[in-house]
Amino acid sequence: MAARGQSFAEKFSRWGVAVATLKEQLESMPHIAEDLAAMEKLLTDARALEVRQEGLRGQAREINAELRRVTREGEKVRARLRAHLQAKYGATSESVAKFGFRPVRIPRRRAVIVVEEPEAPPPVEKTEGQP
């Protein structure tokens, strides 16, 4: 039985089963010859495009690996440039902002507010005769 899914591979598999089966029945159904020939051509084209897509997928993997390598190198160079600019202008200087870098911010301490809790009222002692 042919695959039931909607992926390209499953559709092409169904096409292949139909073409193979209908070729055997062509003598008894000559009126489908034109459509069968069209289906065979489409199946051949689809398989060729799958092969081409797989080749391009391999190329994309190679390009992505090269892109990651170039990006790593670029980030290293950018870090060195930032260090040079920080050495010249100072790490906290706003001058490094015009080069696309954020100046280092020195965190400020906040005043600590101590809230004293009110004293609890003294416990009421029970004496005899009180409920």
C-alpha atoms as a PDB file:
ATOM      1  CA  MET A   1       0.000   0.000   0.000  1.00  0.00           C
ATOM      2  CA  ALA A   2       1.253   3.482  -0.816  1.00  0.00           C
ATOM      3  CA  ALA A   3       2.025   6.037   1.881  1.00  0.00           C
ATOM      4  CA  ARG A   4      -0.886   8.168   3.081  1.00  0.00           C
ATOM      5  CA  GLY A   5       0.924  11.327   4.203  1.00  0.00           C
ATOM      6  CA  GLN A   6       1.150  14.693   2.520  1.00  0.00           C
ATOM      7  CA  SER A   7       4.926  15.060   2.286  1.00  0.00           C
ATOM      8  CA  PHE A   8       6.537  15.275  -1.133  1.00  0.00           C
ATOM      9  CA  ALA A   9       8.188  11.878  -0.728  1.00  0.00           C
ATOM     10  CA  GLU A  10       4.907  10.210   0.169  1.00  0.00           C
ATOM     11  CA  LYS A  11       3.095  11.850  -2.749  1.00  0.00           C
ATOM     12  CA  PHE A  12       5.835  10.824  -5.178  1.00  0.00           C
ATOM     13  CA  SER A  13       5.688   7.302  -3.796  1.00  0.00           C
ATOM     14  CA  ARG A  14       1.948   7.174  -4.533  1.00  0.00           C
ATOM     15  CA  TRP A  15       2.601   8.503  -8.031  1.00  0.00           C
ATOM     16  CA  GLY A  16       5.185   5.768  -8.624  1.00  0.00           C
ATOM     17  CA  VAL A  17       2.796   3.043  -7.477  1.00  0.00           C
ATOM     18  CA  ALA A  18       0.054   4.424  -9.735  1.00  0.00           C
ATOM     19  CA  VAL A  19       2.354   4.635 -12.757  1.00  0.00           C
ATOM     20  CA  ALA A  20       3.746   1.126 -12.253  1.00  0.00           C
ATOM     21  CA  THR A  21       0.316  -0.418 -11.774  1.00  0.00           C
ATOM     22  CA  LEU A  22      -1.349   1.467 -14.613  1.00  0.00           C
ATOM     23  CA  LYS A  23       1.408   0.507 -17.076  1.00  0.00           C
ATOM     24  CA  GLU A  24       0.366  -3.118 -16.591  1.00  0.00           C
ATOM     25  CA  GLN A  25      -3.266  -2.197 -17.334  1.00  0.00           C
ATOM     26  CA  LEU A  26      -2.570   0.063 -20.324  1.00  0.00           C
ATOM     27  CA  GLU A  27      -3.769  -2.471 -22.912  1.00  0.00           C
ATOM     28  CA  SER A  28      -7.179  -2.732 -21.283  1.00  0.00           C
ATOM     29  CA  MET A  29      -7.461   1.062 -20.758  1.00  0.00           C
ATOM     30  CA  PRO A  30      -5.874   2.800 -23.759  1.00  0.00           C
ATOM     31  CA  HIS A  31      -7.703   6.048 -22.993  1.00  0.00           C
ATOM     32  CA  ILE A  32      -5.377   6.729 -20.010  1.00  0.00           C
ATOM     33  CA  ALA A  33      -2.181   6.600 -22.081  1.00  0.00           C
ATOM     34  CA  GLU A  34      -1.898  10.383 -22.381  1.00  0.00           C
ATOM     35  CA  ASP A  35      -2.439  10.996 -18.651  1.00  0.00           C
ATOM     36  CA  LEU A  36      -0.103   8.139 -17.760  1.00  0.00           C
ATOM     37  CA  ALA A  37       2.635   9.638 -19.925  1.00  0.00           C
ATOM     38  CA  ALA A  38       2.085  13.020 -18.246  1.00  0.00           C
ATOM     39  CA  MET A  39       2.260  11.391 -14.788  1.00  0.00           C
ATOM     40  CA  GLU A  40       5.500   9.605 -15.711  1.00  0.00           C
ATOM     41  CA  LYS A  41       7.029  12.880 -16.906  1.00  0.00           C
ATOM     42  CA  LEU A  42       5.962  14.663 -13.710  1.00  0.00           C
ATOM     43  CA  LEU A  43       7.328  11.844 -11.556  1.00  0.00           C
ATOM     44  CA  THR A  44      10.665  11.976 -13.388  1.00  0.00           C
ATOM     45  CA  ASP A  45      10.797  15.757 -12.968  1.00  0.00           C
ATOM     46  CA  ALA A  46       9.900  15.499  -9.282  1.00  0.00           C
ATOM     47  CA  ARG A  47      12.611  12.898  -8.609  1.00  0.00           C
ATOM     48  CA  ALA A  48      15.170  15.070 -10.436  1.00  0.00           C
ATOM     49  CA  LEU A  49      14.151  18.072  -8.346  1.00  0.00           C
ATOM     50  CA  GLU A  50      14.495  15.997  -5.159  1.00  0.00           C
ATOM     51  CA  VAL A  51      18.056  15.084  -6.131  1.00  0.00           C
ATOM     52  CA  ARG A  52      18.818  18.724  -6.917  1.00  0.00           C
ATOM     53  CA  GLN A  53      17.288  19.833  -3.596  1.00  0.00           C
ATOM     54  CA  GLU A  54      19.426  17.335  -1.680  1.00  0.00           C
ATOM     55  CA  GLY A  55      22.550  18.669  -3.401  1.00  0.00           C
ATOM     56  CA  LEU A  56      21.600  22.232  -2.516  1.00  0.00           C
ATOM     57  CA  ARG A  57      20.874  21.158   1.058  1.00  0.00           C
ATOM     58  CA  GLY A  58      24.447  19.842   1.269  1.00  0.00           C
ATOM     59  CA  GLN A  59      25.754  23.130  -0.090  1.00  0.00           C
ATOM     60  CA  ALA A  60      23.654  25.039   2.442  1.00  0.00           C
ATOM     61  CA  ARG A  61      25.209  23.018   5.276  1.00  0.00           C
ATOM     62  CA  GLU A  62      28.692  23.884   4.019  1.00  0.00           C
ATOM     63  CA  ILE A  63      27.800  27.557   3.638  1.00  0.00           C
ATOM     64  CA  ASN A  64      26.293  27.660   7.139  1.00  0.00           C
ATOM     65  CA  ALA A  65      29.442  26.127   8.634  1.00  0.00           C
ATOM     66  CA  GLU A  66      31.584  28.709   6.818  1.00  0.00           C
ATOM     67  CA  LEU A  67      29.244  31.489   7.951  1.00  0.00           C
ATOM     68  CA  ARG A  68      29.573  30.360  11.593  1.00  0.00           C
ATOM     69  CA  ARG A  69      33.375  30.340  11.257  1.00  0.00           C
ATOM     70  CA  VAL A  70      33.432  33.841   9.740  1.00  0.00           C
ATOM     71  CA  THR A  71      31.067  35.098  12.441  1.00  0.00           C
ATOM     72  CA  ARG A  72      33.315  33.745  15.225  1.00  0.00           C
ATOM     73  CA  GLU A  73      36.329  35.451  13.676  1.00  0.00           C
ATOM     74  CA  GLY A  74      34.390  38.698  13.233  1.00  0.00           C
ATOM     75  CA  GLU A  75      33.311  38.713  16.876  1.00  0.00           C
ATOM     76  CA  LYS A  76      36.915  38.175  17.986  1.00  0.00           C
ATOM     77  CA  VAL A  77      38.101  41.135  15.902  1.00  0.00           C
ATOM     78  CA  ARG A  78      35.214  43.276  17.162  1.00  0.00           C
ATOM     79  CA  ALA A  79      36.178  42.449  20.765  1.00  0.00           C
ATOM     80  CA  ARG A  80      39.759  43.527  20.072  1.00  0.00           C
ATOM     81  CA  LEU A  81      38.550  46.794  18.528  1.00  0.00           C
ATOM     82  CA  ARG A  82      36.381  47.428  21.582  1.00  0.00           C
ATOM     83  CA  ALA A  83      39.357  46.845  23.851  1.00  0.00           C
ATOM     84  CA  HIS A  84      41.408  49.366  21.827  1.00  0.00           C
ATOM     85  CA  LEU A  85      38.627  51.950  22.028  1.00  0.00           C
ATOM     86  CA  GLN A  86      38.159  51.389  25.753  1.00  0.00           C
ATOM     87  CA  ALA A  87      41.889  51.803  26.265  1.00  0.00           C
ATOM     88  CA  LYS A  88      41.860  55.101  24.371  1.00  0.00           C
ATOM     89  CA  TYR A  89      38.597  56.645  25.630  1.00  0.00           C
ATOM     90  CA  GLY A  90      37.963  54.718  28.839  1.00  0.00           C
ATOM     91  CA  ALA A  91      35.533  51.884  29.442  1.00  0.00           C
ATOM     92  CA  THR A  92      32.866  54.152  30.937  1.00  0.00           C
ATOM     93  CA  SER A  93      33.201  56.931  28.345  1.00  0.00           C
ATOM     94  CA  GLU A  94      30.202  57.726  26.194  1.00  0.00           C
ATOM     95  CA  SER A  95      32.614  58.167  23.258  1.00  0.00           C
ATOM     96  CA  VAL A  96      32.617  54.408  22.603  1.00  0.00           C
ATOM     97  CA  ALA A  97      28.869  54.599  21.876  1.00  0.00           C
ATOM     98  CA  LYS A  98      29.428  56.339  18.535  1.00  0.00           C
ATOM     99  CA  PHE A  99      31.415  53.268  17.432  1.00  0.00           C
ATOM    100  CA  GLY A 100      28.522  50.944  18.244  1.00  0.00           C
ATOM    101  CA  PHE A 101      29.683  49.802  21.682  1.00  0.00           C
ATOM    102  CA  ARG A 102      27.918  50.284  24.982  1.00  0.00           C
ATOM    103  CA  PRO A 103      29.978  51.970  27.665  1.00  0.00           C
ATOM    104  CA  VAL A 104      30.484  50.007  30.858  1.00  0.00           C
ATOM    105  CA  ARG A 105      27.999  51.076  33.503  1.00  0.00           C
ATOM    106  CA  ILE A 106      29.136  51.120  37.099  1.00  0.00           C
ATOM    107  CA  PRO A 107      26.345  49.822  39.300  1.00  0.00           C
ATOM    108  CA  ARG A 108      25.255  52.241  41.996  1.00  0.00           C
ATOM    109  CA  ARG A 109      24.446  51.007  45.434  1.00  0.00           C
ATOM    110  CA  ARG A 110      21.009  51.751  46.641  1.00  0.00           C
ATOM    111  CA  ALA A 111      20.384  52.983  50.116  1.00  0.00           C
ATOM    112  CA  VAL A 112      19.195  50.219  52.349  1.00  0.00           C
ATOM    113  CA  ILE A 113      16.037  51.197  54.187  1.00  0.00           C
ATOM    114  CA  VAL A 114      15.559  49.383  57.443  1.00  0.00           C
ATOM    115  CA  VAL A 115      11.962  49.089  58.492  1.00  0.00           C
ATOM    116  CA  GLU A 116      11.522  48.368  62.136  1.00  0.00           C
ATOM    117  CA  GLU A 117       8.613  46.200  63.003  1.00  0.00           C
ATOM    118  CA  PRO A 118       6.358  47.527  65.732  1.00  0.00           C
ATOM    119  CA  GLU A 119       6.631  45.721  68.994  1.00  0.00           C
ATOM    120  CA  ALA A 120       3.945  43.215  69.651  1.00  0.00           C
ATOM    121  CA  PRO A 121       1.682  44.105  72.579  1.00  0.00           C
ATOM    122  CA  PRO A 122       2.511  42.177  75.693  1.00  0.00           C
ATOM    123  CA  PRO A 123       0.459  39.034  76.113  1.00  0.00           C
ATOM    124  CA  VAL A 124      -2.563  39.424  78.299  1.00  0.00           C
ATOM    125  CA  GLU A 125      -2.389  37.177  81.306  1.00  0.00           C
ATOM    126  CA  LYS A 126      -5.519  35.419  82.290  1.00  0.00           C
ATOM    127  CA  THR A 127      -6.555  35.654  85.867  1.00  0.00           C
ATOM    128  CA  GLU A 128      -9.044  33.492  87.618  1.00  0.00           C
ATOM    129  CA  GLY A 129     -12.539  34.604  87.089  1.00  0.00           C
ATOM    130  CA  GLN A 130     -12.015  35.992  83.621  1.00  0.00           C
ATOM    131  CA  PRO A 131     -13.472  34.107  80.705  1.00  0.00           C
END
